[in-house]
C-alpha atoms as a PDB file:
ATOM      1  CA  MET A   1     -42.318 -23.286  12.603  1.00  0.00           C
ATOM      2  CA  ASN A   2     -43.303 -19.889  11.126  1.00  0.00           C
ATOM      3  CA  THR A   3     -40.150 -18.389  12.689  1.00  0.00           C
ATOM      4  CA  LYS A   4     -37.955 -20.998  10.976  1.00  0.00           C
ATOM      5  CA  ILE A   5     -39.509 -20.285   7.640  1.00  0.00           C
ATOM      6  CA  LEU A   6     -39.125 -16.545   8.083  1.00  0.00           C
ATOM      7  CA  THR A   7     -35.498 -16.969   9.134  1.00  0.00           C
ATOM      8  CA  ILE A   8     -34.693 -19.150   6.073  1.00  0.00           C
ATOM      9  CA  ALA A   9     -36.551 -16.797   3.743  1.00  0.00           C
ATOM     10  CA  ALA A  10     -34.679 -13.854   5.187  1.00  0.00           C
ATOM     11  CA  LEU A  11     -31.296 -15.565   4.833  1.00  0.00           C
ATOM     12  CA  THR A  12     -32.080 -16.664   1.244  1.00  0.00           C
ATOM     13  CA  LEU A  13     -33.226 -13.134   0.236  1.00  0.00           C
ATOM     14  CA  GLY A  14     -30.136 -11.677   1.890  1.00  0.00           C
ATOM     15  CA  ILE A  15     -27.766 -14.025   0.056  1.00  0.00           C
ATOM     16  CA  ALA A  16     -29.614 -13.389  -3.231  1.00  0.00           C
ATOM     17  CA  GLY A  17     -29.294  -9.657  -2.628  1.00  0.00           C
ATOM     18  CA  LEU A  18     -25.550  -9.919  -2.074  1.00  0.00           C
ATOM     19  CA  CYS A  19     -25.210 -11.967  -5.259  1.00  0.00           C
ATOM     20  CA  LEU A  20     -27.111  -9.366  -7.312  1.00  0.00           C
ATOM     21  CA  ALA A  21     -25.077  -6.478  -5.764  1.00  0.00           C
ATOM     22  CA  GLN A  22     -21.814  -7.892  -6.950  1.00  0.00           C
ATOM     23  CA  THR A  23     -20.503  -6.713 -10.322  1.00  0.00           C
ATOM     24  CA  SER A  24     -19.940  -9.173 -13.091  1.00  0.00           C
ATOM     25  CA  PRO A  25     -16.228 -10.207 -13.446  1.00  0.00           C
ATOM     26  CA  THR A  26     -16.349  -9.972 -17.214  1.00  0.00           C
ATOM     27  CA  SER A  27     -17.626  -6.379 -17.191  1.00  0.00           C
ATOM     28  CA  THR A  28     -14.947  -5.264 -14.722  1.00  0.00           C
ATOM     29  CA  THR A  29     -12.220  -6.979 -16.683  1.00  0.00           C
ATOM     30  CA  THR A  30     -13.344  -5.472 -19.948  1.00  0.00           C
ATOM     31  CA  THR A  31     -13.589  -1.948 -18.486  1.00  0.00           C
ATOM     32  CA  THR A  32     -10.170  -2.171 -16.867  1.00  0.00           C
ATOM     33  CA  THR A  33      -8.591  -3.558 -20.054  1.00  0.00           C
ATOM     34  CA  THR A  34      -9.998  -0.886 -22.354  1.00  0.00           C
ATOM     35  CA  ARG A  35      -9.542   1.976 -19.978  1.00  0.00           C
ATOM     36  CA  GLY A  36      -6.091   1.125 -18.525  1.00  0.00           C
ATOM     37  CA  SER A  37      -4.739   2.366 -15.230  1.00  0.00           C
ATOM     38  CA  ASN A  38      -6.189   5.467 -13.736  1.00  0.00           C
ATOM     39  CA  ALA A  39      -2.852   6.223 -12.029  1.00  0.00           C
ATOM     40  CA  PRO A  40      -1.651   9.755 -12.582  1.00  0.00           C
ATOM     41  CA  TYR A  41       1.578   8.445 -14.190  1.00  0.00           C
ATOM     42  CA  THR A  42       3.012   5.904 -16.565  1.00  0.00           C
ATOM     43  CA  GLU A  43       5.719   3.434 -15.440  1.00  0.00           C
ATOM     44  CA  GLY A  44       9.173   3.712 -16.886  1.00  0.00           C
ATOM     45  CA  THR A  45      12.569   2.186 -16.283  1.00  0.00           C
ATOM     46  CA  VAL A  46      13.983   0.868 -12.938  1.00  0.00           C
ATOM     47  CA  TRP A  47      16.838   2.455 -11.135  1.00  0.00           C
ATOM     48  CA  VAL A  48      18.909   0.744  -8.404  1.00  0.00           C
ATOM     49  CA  LEU A  49      20.479   3.493  -6.219  1.00  0.00           C
ATOM     50  CA  THR A  50      23.431   2.869  -3.916  1.00  0.00           C
ATOM     51  CA  MET A  51      24.269   5.562  -1.284  1.00  0.00           C
ATOM     52  CA  ILE A  52      27.905   5.564  -0.235  1.00  0.00           C
ATOM     53  CA  LYS A  53      29.651   7.377   2.513  1.00  0.00           C
ATOM     54  CA  THR A  54      33.418   7.701   2.113  1.00  0.00           C
ATOM     55  CA  LYS A  55      35.671   8.200   5.041  1.00  0.00           C
ATOM     56  CA  ALA A  56      37.117  11.735   5.391  1.00  0.00           C
ATOM     57  CA  GLY A  57      39.620  12.597   2.668  1.00  0.00           C
ATOM     58  CA  LEU A  58      39.269   9.172   0.897  1.00  0.00           C
ATOM     59  CA  GLY A  59      36.581  10.042  -1.646  1.00  0.00           C
ATOM     60  CA  ASP A  60      39.076  10.206  -4.492  1.00  0.00           C
ATOM     61  CA  ASP A  61      40.746   6.940  -3.436  1.00  0.00           C
ATOM     62  CA  TYR A  62      37.338   5.290  -3.629  1.00  0.00           C
ATOM     63  CA  LEU A  63      36.517   6.810  -7.007  1.00  0.00           C
ATOM     64  CA  LYS A  64      39.891   5.553  -8.356  1.00  0.00           C
ATOM     65  CA  SER A  65      39.126   2.116  -7.067  1.00  0.00           C
ATOM     66  CA  ILE A  66      35.716   1.829  -8.693  1.00  0.00           C
ATOM     67  CA  SER A  67      36.984   3.296 -11.955  1.00  0.00           C
ATOM     68  CA  GLN A  68      39.116   0.169 -12.323  1.00  0.00           C
ATOM     69  CA  THR A  69      36.537  -2.312 -11.284  1.00  0.00           C
ATOM     70  CA  VAL A  70      32.939  -1.115 -11.206  1.00  0.00           C
ATOM     71  CA  LYS A  71      33.084   1.082 -14.325  1.00  0.00           C
ATOM     72  CA  PRO A  72      34.376  -1.789 -16.597  1.00  0.00           C
ATOM     73  CA  VAL A  73      31.612  -4.032 -15.274  1.00  0.00           C
ATOM     74  CA  TYR A  74      28.871  -1.353 -16.019  1.00  0.00           C
ATOM     75  CA  GLU A  75      30.364  -0.721 -19.468  1.00  0.00           C
ATOM     76  CA  GLU A  76      30.285  -4.462 -20.277  1.00  0.00           C
ATOM     77  CA  GLU A  77      26.620  -4.635 -19.017  1.00  0.00           C
ATOM     78  CA  LYS A  78      25.687  -1.759 -21.250  1.00  0.00           C
ATOM     79  CA  LYS A  79      27.373  -3.492 -24.175  1.00  0.00           C
ATOM     80  CA  GLN A  80      25.437  -6.677 -23.477  1.00  0.00           C
ATOM     81  CA  LYS A  81      22.208  -4.674 -22.945  1.00  0.00           C
ATOM     82  CA  ILE A  82      21.715  -5.863 -19.386  1.00  0.00           C
ATOM     83  CA  ILE A  83      21.540  -2.270 -18.218  1.00  0.00           C
ATOM     84  CA  LEU A  84      20.488   0.824 -20.079  1.00  0.00           C
ATOM     85  CA  ASP A  85      22.846   3.223 -18.312  1.00  0.00           C
ATOM     86  CA  TYR A  86      24.512   4.133 -15.073  1.00  0.00           C
ATOM     87  CA  LYS A  87      25.422   7.348 -13.349  1.00  0.00           C
ATOM     88  CA  ILE A  88      27.719   8.218 -10.493  1.00  0.00           C
ATOM     89  CA  LEU A  89      27.064  11.408  -8.563  1.00  0.00           C
ATOM     90  CA  ASN A  90      29.562  12.945  -6.150  1.00  0.00           C
ATOM     91  CA  GLY A  91      28.689  15.717  -3.743  1.00  0.00           C
ATOM     92  CA  ASP A  92      28.902  16.993  -0.211  1.00  0.00           C
ATOM     93  CA  ALA A  93      27.268  15.058   2.580  1.00  0.00           C
ATOM     94  CA  SER A  94      24.658  17.151   4.391  1.00  0.00           C
ATOM     95  CA  SER A  95      25.547  15.585   7.728  1.00  0.00           C
ATOM     96  CA  PRO A  96      28.077  13.124   9.139  1.00  0.00           C
ATOM     97  CA  GLN A  97      25.559  10.332   8.577  1.00  0.00           C
ATOM     98  CA  ASP A  98      24.828  11.276   4.973  1.00  0.00           C
ATOM     99  CA  PHE A  99      26.159   9.797   1.749  1.00  0.00           C
ATOM    100  CA  SER A 100      28.500  11.688  -0.616  1.00  0.00           C
ATOM    101  CA  ILE A 101      28.463   9.309  -3.594  1.00  0.00           C
ATOM    102  CA  LEU A 102      25.326   8.048  -5.327  1.00  0.00           C
ATOM    103  CA  ILE A 103      25.633   5.230  -7.861  1.00  0.00           C
ATOM    104  CA  MET A 104      22.546   4.835 -10.105  1.00  0.00           C
ATOM    105  CA  VAL A 105      22.035   1.897 -12.423  1.00  0.00           C
ATOM    106  CA  GLN A 106      19.213   1.926 -14.910  1.00  0.00           C
ATOM    107  CA  TYR A 107      17.393  -1.237 -15.975  1.00  0.00           C
ATOM    108  CA  PRO A 108      14.763  -1.461 -18.682  1.00  0.00           C
ATOM    109  CA  ASN A 109      12.139  -2.936 -16.279  1.00  0.00           C
ATOM    110  CA  MET A 110      11.628  -4.974 -13.102  1.00  0.00           C
ATOM    111  CA  ALA A 111      11.887  -8.237 -15.136  1.00  0.00           C
ATOM    112  CA  ALA A 112      15.471  -7.319 -16.001  1.00  0.00           C
ATOM    113  CA  LEU A 113      16.345  -7.974 -12.298  1.00  0.00           C
ATOM    114  CA  ASP A 114      15.242 -11.609 -12.612  1.00  0.00           C
ATOM    115  CA  SER A 115      18.187 -14.014 -12.805  1.00  0.00           C
ATOM    116  CA  LEU A 116      20.516 -10.936 -12.801  1.00  0.00           C
ATOM    117  CA  ARG A 117      23.234 -12.822 -10.937  1.00  0.00           C
ATOM    118  CA  ASP A 118      23.397 -15.435 -13.682  1.00  0.00           C
ATOM    119  CA  LYS A 119      24.106 -12.687 -16.175  1.00  0.00           C
ATOM    120  CA  MET A 120      26.426 -10.690 -13.946  1.00  0.00           C
ATOM    121  CA  ASP A 121      28.761 -13.425 -12.498  1.00  0.00           C
ATOM    122  CA  PRO A 122      30.661 -14.057 -15.687  1.00  0.00           C
ATOM    123  CA  ILE A 123      31.158 -10.299 -16.311  1.00  0.00           C
ATOM    124  CA  ILE A 124      32.305  -9.704 -12.753  1.00  0.00           C
ATOM    125  CA  GLU A 125      34.683 -12.614 -12.877  1.00  0.00           C
ATOM    126  CA  LYS A 126      36.134 -11.497 -16.261  1.00  0.00           C
ATOM    127  CA  VAL A 127      36.673  -7.886 -15.035  1.00  0.00           C
ATOM    128  CA  MET A 128      37.372  -8.284 -11.360  1.00  0.00           C
ATOM    129  CA  GLY A 129      38.959 -11.701 -11.153  1.00  0.00           C
ATOM    130  CA  SER A 130      38.313 -14.727  -9.000  1.00  0.00           C
ATOM    131  CA  GLU A 131      36.092 -14.786  -5.984  1.00  0.00           C
ATOM    132  CA  ASP A 132      39.166 -14.490  -3.675  1.00  0.00           C
ATOM    133  CA  GLN A 133      40.424 -11.457  -5.622  1.00  0.00           C
ATOM    134  CA  ARG A 134      36.958  -9.801  -5.453  1.00  0.00           C
ATOM    135  CA  ARG A 135      36.779 -10.513  -1.692  1.00  0.00           C
ATOM    136  CA  ALA A 136      40.222  -8.950  -1.176  1.00  0.00           C
ATOM    137  CA  THR A 137      39.026  -5.831  -3.087  1.00  0.00           C
ATOM    138  CA  ALA A 138      35.868  -5.648  -1.030  1.00  0.00           C
ATOM    139  CA  VAL A 139      37.755  -5.909   2.266  1.00  0.00           C
ATOM    140  CA  LYS A 140      40.048  -3.008   1.121  1.00  0.00           C
ATOM    141  CA  ARG A 141      37.074  -0.923   0.353  1.00  0.00           C
ATOM    142  CA  LEU A 142      35.708  -1.385   3.908  1.00  0.00           C
ATOM    143  CA  ASP A 143      38.583   0.861   4.994  1.00  0.00           C
ATOM    144  CA  ILE A 144      37.489   3.820   2.736  1.00  0.00           C
ATOM    145  CA  ARG A 145      33.781   3.672   2.385  1.00  0.00           C
ATOM    146  CA  GLU A 146      30.480   2.470   3.916  1.00  0.00           C
ATOM    147  CA  ILE A 147      27.373   1.531   1.871  1.00  0.00           C
ATOM    148  CA  LEU A 148      24.591   3.285   3.709  1.00  0.00           C
ATOM    149  CA  ALA A 149      21.699   2.001   1.618  1.00  0.00           C
ATOM    150  CA  THR A 150      20.573   0.430  -1.607  1.00  0.00           C
ATOM    151  CA  LYS A 151      17.129   1.225  -3.023  1.00  0.00           C
ATOM    152  CA  THR A 152      15.248   0.127  -6.090  1.00  0.00           C
ATOM    153  CA  MET A 153      12.837   2.749  -7.626  1.00  0.00           C
ATOM    154  CA  ARG A 154      10.846   2.977 -10.760  1.00  0.00           C
ATOM    155  CA  GLU A 155      10.968   6.073 -12.874  1.00  0.00           C
ATOM    156  CA  ILE A 156       7.541   7.492 -13.613  1.00  0.00           C
ATOM    157  CA  THR A 157       6.235  10.099 -16.103  1.00  0.00           C
ATOM    158  CA  LEU A 158       3.353  12.186 -14.787  1.00  0.00           C
ATOM    159  CA  LYS A 159       0.261  12.214 -17.064  1.00  0.00           C
END
């Protein structure tokens, strides 16, 4: 009987000790809210990067193609304030597996990517034509380029 009482008392004291050791949720929330993040940076805009490898000698052909389709889409997106900016970088690939063209599209924040297709489809259809026309353009591009990767990254400013 004494063993049972000692066991119950020990468990009760252990549970009480755990409860007292925990911090109050209100004090943690208040501290976090007033202090902010302790990250060594502040978050900025969001960039979607597309790395493209063109087939040998066809880089200019690809750039001509996107200047008639992709550029007008980006310009309309800027006009409608869907994107902040876009950049296209062209350079030498460092290896046969590397990209030579980098397309960067800047969005104000991650939330701008929500329901993006709903905003984009009317613009793309207006600039690039029907779904069949867009598919035909995409198939032609397969002969001159390969998309190696697409990556979404947040710009940061170091504190």
